[in-house]
Amino acid sequence: MMRDLDDKKLVRSRSHSILMENRERVTITGVQDVDSFDEASVLLVADLGYITLHGFDLHISKLSLEEGQLIVEGEITGVEYSDHEAMGGKSGGFLKKLFK
């Protein structure tokens, strides 16, 4: 239990921010990985969970996992947060939920 608390403190010490400019460009920090992307959505893993960007003509203009930064451009219509357990936890994983 103490180990879990220590792990959460380490994760929360990293900076996370979302800066959206005119719903055409979004810069996200605290990014660990990009799980999937296409012109309509970008699913990324952040330090505190998953983030899904929704929109049209989306493209990744910058991805730096060393810096933990992602820049996406296009017409952004939504930003959705999910925790790690909801997307890939004990309930069977992301793909199982996707194809339900």
N, C-alpha and C. Protein backbone atom coordinates (compact mmCIF):
# COMPACT_ATOMS: atom_id res chain seq x y z
N MET A 1 0.82 -1.19 0.00
CA MET A 1 0.00 0.00 0.00
C MET A 1 0.87 1.26 0.00
N MET A 2 1.91 1.27 0.80
CA MET A 2 2.81 2.43 0.81
C MET A 2 3.46 2.60 -0.55
N ARG A 3 3.77 1.51 -1.20
CA ARG A 3 4.40 1.57 -2.52
C ARG A 3 3.47 2.26 -3.51
N ASP A 4 2.16 1.95 -3.45
CA ASP A 4 1.19 2.60 -4.34
C ASP A 4 1.16 4.10 -4.12
N LEU A 5 1.20 4.53 -2.88
CA LEU A 5 1.19 5.96 -2.57
C LEU A 5 2.45 6.63 -3.08
N ASP A 6 3.59 5.97 -2.93
CA ASP A 6 4.84 6.53 -3.42
C ASP A 6 4.83 6.65 -4.94
N ASP A 7 4.29 5.65 -5.63
CA ASP A 7 4.20 5.69 -7.09
C ASP A 7 3.32 6.84 -7.55
N LYS A 8 2.20 7.06 -6.89
CA LYS A 8 1.30 8.15 -7.27
C LYS A 8 1.95 9.51 -7.05
N LYS A 9 2.74 9.64 -5.99
CA LYS A 9 3.44 10.90 -5.75
C LYS A 9 4.44 11.17 -6.85
N LEU A 10 5.14 10.14 -7.32
CA LEU A 10 6.12 10.31 -8.40
C LEU A 10 5.42 10.75 -9.68
N VAL A 11 4.30 10.13 -10.00
CA VAL A 11 3.59 10.47 -11.22
C VAL A 11 3.06 11.89 -11.14
N ARG A 12 2.49 12.28 -10.01
CA ARG A 12 1.89 13.59 -9.86
C ARG A 12 2.92 14.72 -9.83
N SER A 13 4.19 14.38 -9.60
CA SER A 13 5.20 15.42 -9.56
C SER A 13 5.55 15.95 -10.95
N ARG A 14 5.21 15.20 -12.01
CA ARG A 14 5.45 15.66 -13.38
C ARG A 14 4.38 16.64 -13.78
N SER A 15 4.73 17.58 -14.61
CA SER A 15 3.81 18.62 -15.04
C SER A 15 2.88 18.11 -16.14
N HIS A 16 1.62 18.48 -16.05
CA HIS A 16 0.64 18.14 -17.09
C HIS A 16 -0.14 19.40 -17.42
N SER A 17 -0.25 19.70 -18.71
CA SER A 17 -1.06 20.84 -19.12
C SER A 17 -1.60 20.61 -20.52
N ILE A 18 -2.71 21.30 -20.80
CA ILE A 18 -3.29 21.31 -22.14
C ILE A 18 -3.49 22.77 -22.52
N LEU A 19 -2.91 23.16 -23.64
CA LEU A 19 -3.07 24.51 -24.16
C LEU A 19 -3.71 24.39 -25.53
N MET A 20 -4.93 24.92 -25.65
CA MET A 20 -5.62 24.86 -26.93
C MET A 20 -5.70 26.26 -27.51
N GLU A 21 -5.35 26.38 -28.79
CA GLU A 21 -5.36 27.66 -29.48
C GLU A 21 -6.42 27.62 -30.58
N ASN A 22 -7.49 28.40 -30.41
CA ASN A 22 -8.55 28.56 -31.42
C ASN A 22 -9.15 27.24 -31.90
N ARG A 23 -9.12 26.23 -31.06
CA ARG A 23 -9.63 24.89 -31.41
C ARG A 23 -8.99 24.33 -32.68
N GLU A 24 -7.80 24.83 -33.02
CA GLU A 24 -7.07 24.38 -34.21
C GLU A 24 -5.74 23.73 -33.87
N ARG A 25 -5.25 23.97 -32.67
CA ARG A 25 -3.94 23.45 -32.27
C ARG A 25 -3.97 23.22 -30.77
N VAL A 26 -3.52 22.05 -30.35
CA VAL A 26 -3.46 21.74 -28.92
C VAL A 26 -2.07 21.22 -28.58
N THR A 27 -1.52 21.74 -27.50
CA THR A 27 -0.23 21.30 -26.98
C THR A 27 -0.48 20.64 -25.64
N ILE A 28 -0.03 19.40 -25.49
CA ILE A 28 -0.24 18.64 -24.26
C ILE A 28 1.11 18.24 -23.71
N THR A 29 1.32 18.46 -22.41
CA THR A 29 2.54 18.01 -21.74
C THR A 29 2.16 16.91 -20.75
N GLY A 30 3.15 16.14 -20.34
CA GLY A 30 2.91 15.00 -19.47
C GLY A 30 2.51 13.76 -20.25
N VAL A 31 2.90 13.70 -21.53
CA VAL A 31 2.53 12.60 -22.42
C VAL A 31 3.57 11.48 -22.31
N GLN A 32 3.09 10.25 -22.13
CA GLN A 32 3.97 9.08 -22.09
C GLN A 32 4.05 8.37 -23.43
N ASP A 33 2.90 8.31 -24.15
CA ASP A 33 2.87 7.56 -25.41
C ASP A 33 1.60 7.92 -26.17
N VAL A 34 1.60 7.66 -27.47
CA VAL A 34 0.40 7.78 -28.29
C VAL A 34 -0.05 6.36 -28.60
N ASP A 35 -1.27 6.02 -28.15
CA ASP A 35 -1.79 4.66 -28.33
C ASP A 35 -2.31 4.44 -29.74
N SER A 36 -3.06 5.42 -30.27
CA SER A 36 -3.57 5.32 -31.64
C SER A 36 -3.96 6.70 -32.11
N PHE A 37 -4.01 6.85 -33.43
CA PHE A 37 -4.44 8.12 -34.00
C PHE A 37 -4.93 7.94 -35.41
N ASP A 38 -5.84 8.80 -35.82
CA ASP A 38 -6.28 8.91 -37.20
C ASP A 38 -6.80 10.33 -37.38
N GLU A 39 -7.45 10.61 -38.48
CA GLU A 39 -7.89 11.98 -38.75
C GLU A 39 -9.02 12.43 -37.83
N ALA A 40 -9.70 11.49 -37.15
CA ALA A 40 -10.84 11.83 -36.31
C ALA A 40 -10.55 11.79 -34.82
N SER A 41 -9.49 11.10 -34.38
CA SER A 41 -9.20 11.02 -32.96
C SER A 41 -7.74 10.68 -32.71
N VAL A 42 -7.26 11.11 -31.54
CA VAL A 42 -5.91 10.77 -31.07
C VAL A 42 -6.07 10.27 -29.65
N LEU A 43 -5.64 9.04 -29.37
CA LEU A 43 -5.67 8.46 -28.04
C LEU A 43 -4.26 8.43 -27.51
N LEU A 44 -4.03 9.12 -26.40
CA LEU A 44 -2.69 9.16 -25.85
C LEU A 44 -2.69 8.78 -24.38
N VAL A 45 -1.54 8.29 -23.93
CA VAL A 45 -1.35 7.93 -22.54
C VAL A 45 -0.60 9.08 -21.87
N ALA A 46 -1.23 9.65 -20.85
CA ALA A 46 -0.61 10.72 -20.08
C ALA A 46 -0.23 10.17 -18.71
N ASP A 47 0.47 10.97 -17.93
CA ASP A 47 0.93 10.52 -16.62
C ASP A 47 -0.21 10.10 -15.70
N LEU A 48 -1.37 10.73 -15.84
CA LEU A 48 -2.47 10.45 -14.93
C LEU A 48 -3.64 9.72 -15.58
N GLY A 49 -3.46 9.21 -16.79
CA GLY A 49 -4.53 8.47 -17.45
C GLY A 49 -4.49 8.66 -18.95
N TYR A 50 -5.59 8.32 -19.58
CA TYR A 50 -5.71 8.45 -21.03
C TYR A 50 -6.40 9.75 -21.38
N ILE A 51 -6.02 10.32 -22.52
CA ILE A 51 -6.68 11.51 -23.07
C ILE A 51 -7.02 11.19 -24.52
N THR A 52 -8.26 11.47 -24.90
CA THR A 52 -8.68 11.30 -26.28
C THR A 52 -9.06 12.66 -26.85
N LEU A 53 -8.44 13.01 -27.96
CA LEU A 53 -8.79 14.22 -28.70
C LEU A 53 -9.71 13.82 -29.84
N HIS A 54 -10.80 14.54 -30.02
CA HIS A 54 -11.73 14.28 -31.11
C HIS A 54 -11.72 15.47 -32.06
N GLY A 55 -11.93 15.21 -33.35
CA GLY A 55 -11.98 16.32 -34.30
C GLY A 55 -11.98 15.85 -35.73
N PHE A 56 -11.58 16.76 -36.61
CA PHE A 56 -11.54 16.51 -38.05
C PHE A 56 -10.17 16.91 -38.58
N ASP A 57 -9.66 16.15 -39.53
CA ASP A 57 -8.36 16.43 -40.16
C ASP A 57 -7.25 16.61 -39.13
N LEU A 58 -7.25 15.78 -38.10
CA LEU A 58 -6.23 15.87 -37.05
C LEU A 58 -4.92 15.27 -37.55
N HIS A 59 -3.82 15.91 -37.20
CA HIS A 59 -2.51 15.35 -37.48
C HIS A 59 -1.55 15.77 -36.38
N ILE A 60 -0.60 14.90 -36.12
CA ILE A 60 0.40 15.16 -35.08
C ILE A 60 1.53 15.94 -35.72
N SER A 61 1.74 17.17 -35.24
CA SER A 61 2.83 17.96 -35.80
C SER A 61 4.11 17.84 -34.98
N LYS A 62 3.98 17.42 -33.71
CA LYS A 62 5.19 17.19 -32.90
C LYS A 62 4.88 16.16 -31.83
N LEU A 63 5.78 15.21 -31.66
CA LEU A 63 5.71 14.24 -30.57
C LEU A 63 7.12 14.06 -30.03
N SER A 64 7.31 14.41 -28.77
CA SER A 64 8.59 14.22 -28.10
C SER A 64 8.32 13.50 -26.79
N LEU A 65 8.57 12.20 -26.77
CA LEU A 65 8.34 11.44 -25.55
C LEU A 65 9.39 11.77 -24.49
N GLU A 66 10.57 12.19 -24.91
CA GLU A 66 11.59 12.59 -23.95
C GLU A 66 11.13 13.81 -23.16
N GLU A 67 10.52 14.77 -23.85
CA GLU A 67 9.99 15.97 -23.20
C GLU A 67 8.58 15.75 -22.67
N GLY A 68 7.92 14.69 -23.12
CA GLY A 68 6.54 14.43 -22.74
C GLY A 68 5.58 15.41 -23.39
N GLN A 69 5.88 15.83 -24.63
CA GLN A 69 5.07 16.85 -25.29
C GLN A 69 4.49 16.33 -26.61
N LEU A 70 3.23 16.72 -26.85
CA LEU A 70 2.52 16.37 -28.08
C LEU A 70 1.81 17.62 -28.59
N ILE A 71 1.92 17.86 -29.90
CA ILE A 71 1.19 18.95 -30.54
C ILE A 71 0.35 18.35 -31.66
N VAL A 72 -0.96 18.61 -31.61
CA VAL A 72 -1.89 18.12 -32.61
C VAL A 72 -2.56 19.33 -33.26
N GLU A 73 -2.67 19.29 -34.58
CA GLU A 73 -3.33 20.37 -35.33
C GLU A 73 -4.49 19.80 -36.11
N GLY A 74 -5.50 20.62 -36.35
CA GLY A 74 -6.71 20.24 -37.05
C GLY A 74 -7.89 20.93 -36.41
N GLU A 75 -9.09 20.48 -36.72
CA GLU A 75 -10.30 21.04 -36.10
C GLU A 75 -10.64 20.19 -34.89
N ILE A 76 -10.41 20.71 -33.69
CA ILE A 76 -10.59 19.96 -32.45
C ILE A 76 -12.00 20.20 -31.93
N THR A 77 -12.74 19.10 -31.73
CA THR A 77 -14.12 19.21 -31.26
C THR A 77 -14.31 18.73 -29.83
N GLY A 78 -13.33 18.02 -29.27
CA GLY A 78 -13.49 17.55 -27.91
C GLY A 78 -12.22 16.99 -27.32
N VAL A 79 -12.16 17.03 -25.98
CA VAL A 79 -11.06 16.45 -25.22
C VAL A 79 -11.71 15.61 -24.12
N GLU A 80 -11.28 14.36 -24.01
CA GLU A 80 -11.89 13.45 -23.03
C GLU A 80 -10.80 12.79 -22.19
N TYR A 81 -10.98 12.81 -20.87
CA TYR A 81 -10.07 12.15 -19.95
C TYR A 81 -10.66 10.81 -19.52
N SER A 82 -9.80 9.80 -19.35
CA SER A 82 -10.17 8.50 -18.78
C SER A 82 -9.01 8.04 -17.92
N ASP A 83 -9.31 7.32 -16.83
CA ASP A 83 -8.21 6.81 -16.02
C ASP A 83 -7.68 5.51 -16.60
N HIS A 84 -6.53 5.07 -16.10
CA HIS A 84 -5.88 3.86 -16.62
C HIS A 84 -6.76 2.64 -16.46
N GLU A 85 -7.46 2.49 -15.32
CA GLU A 85 -8.28 1.32 -15.07
C GLU A 85 -9.44 1.23 -16.06
N ALA A 86 -10.03 2.36 -16.39
CA ALA A 86 -11.19 2.34 -17.28
C ALA A 86 -10.81 1.93 -18.70
N MET A 87 -9.61 2.24 -19.13
CA MET A 87 -9.22 1.95 -20.51
C MET A 87 -8.53 0.61 -20.67
N GLY A 88 -7.71 0.20 -19.73
CA GLY A 88 -6.94 -1.01 -19.96
C GLY A 88 -6.74 -1.86 -18.73
N GLY A 89 -7.59 -1.71 -17.76
CA GLY A 89 -7.41 -2.40 -16.49
C GLY A 89 -7.93 -3.82 -16.50
N LYS A 90 -8.45 -4.25 -15.36
CA LYS A 90 -8.86 -5.63 -15.13
C LYS A 90 -10.10 -6.04 -15.91
N SER A 91 -10.78 -5.10 -16.53
CA SER A 91 -12.03 -5.42 -17.19
C SER A 91 -11.86 -6.03 -18.59
N GLY A 92 -10.64 -6.26 -19.04
CA GLY A 92 -10.46 -6.93 -20.31
C GLY A 92 -9.70 -6.13 -21.34
N GLY A 93 -9.39 -4.91 -21.06
CA GLY A 93 -8.56 -4.14 -21.97
C GLY A 93 -9.33 -3.25 -22.92
N PHE A 94 -8.60 -2.38 -23.54
CA PHE A 94 -9.14 -1.37 -24.43
C PHE A 94 -9.81 -2.00 -25.64
N LEU A 95 -9.16 -2.98 -26.27
CA LEU A 95 -9.71 -3.57 -27.48
C LEU A 95 -11.01 -4.31 -27.20
N LYS A 96 -11.10 -4.98 -26.06
CA LYS A 96 -12.34 -5.68 -25.72
C LYS A 96 -13.50 -4.69 -25.59
N LYS A 97 -13.25 -3.54 -24.96
CA LYS A 97 -14.29 -2.54 -24.81
C LYS A 97 -14.65 -1.93 -26.16
N LEU A 98 -13.67 -1.77 -27.02
CA LEU A 98 -13.90 -1.17 -28.33
C LEU A 98 -14.81 -2.05 -29.19
N PHE A 99 -14.65 -3.37 -29.12
CA PHE A 99 -15.40 -4.28 -29.97
C PHE A 99 -16.58 -4.93 -29.27
N LYS A 100 -17.05 -4.37 -28.17
CA LYS A 100 -18.22 -4.88 -27.45
C LYS A 100 -19.45 -4.82 -28.28
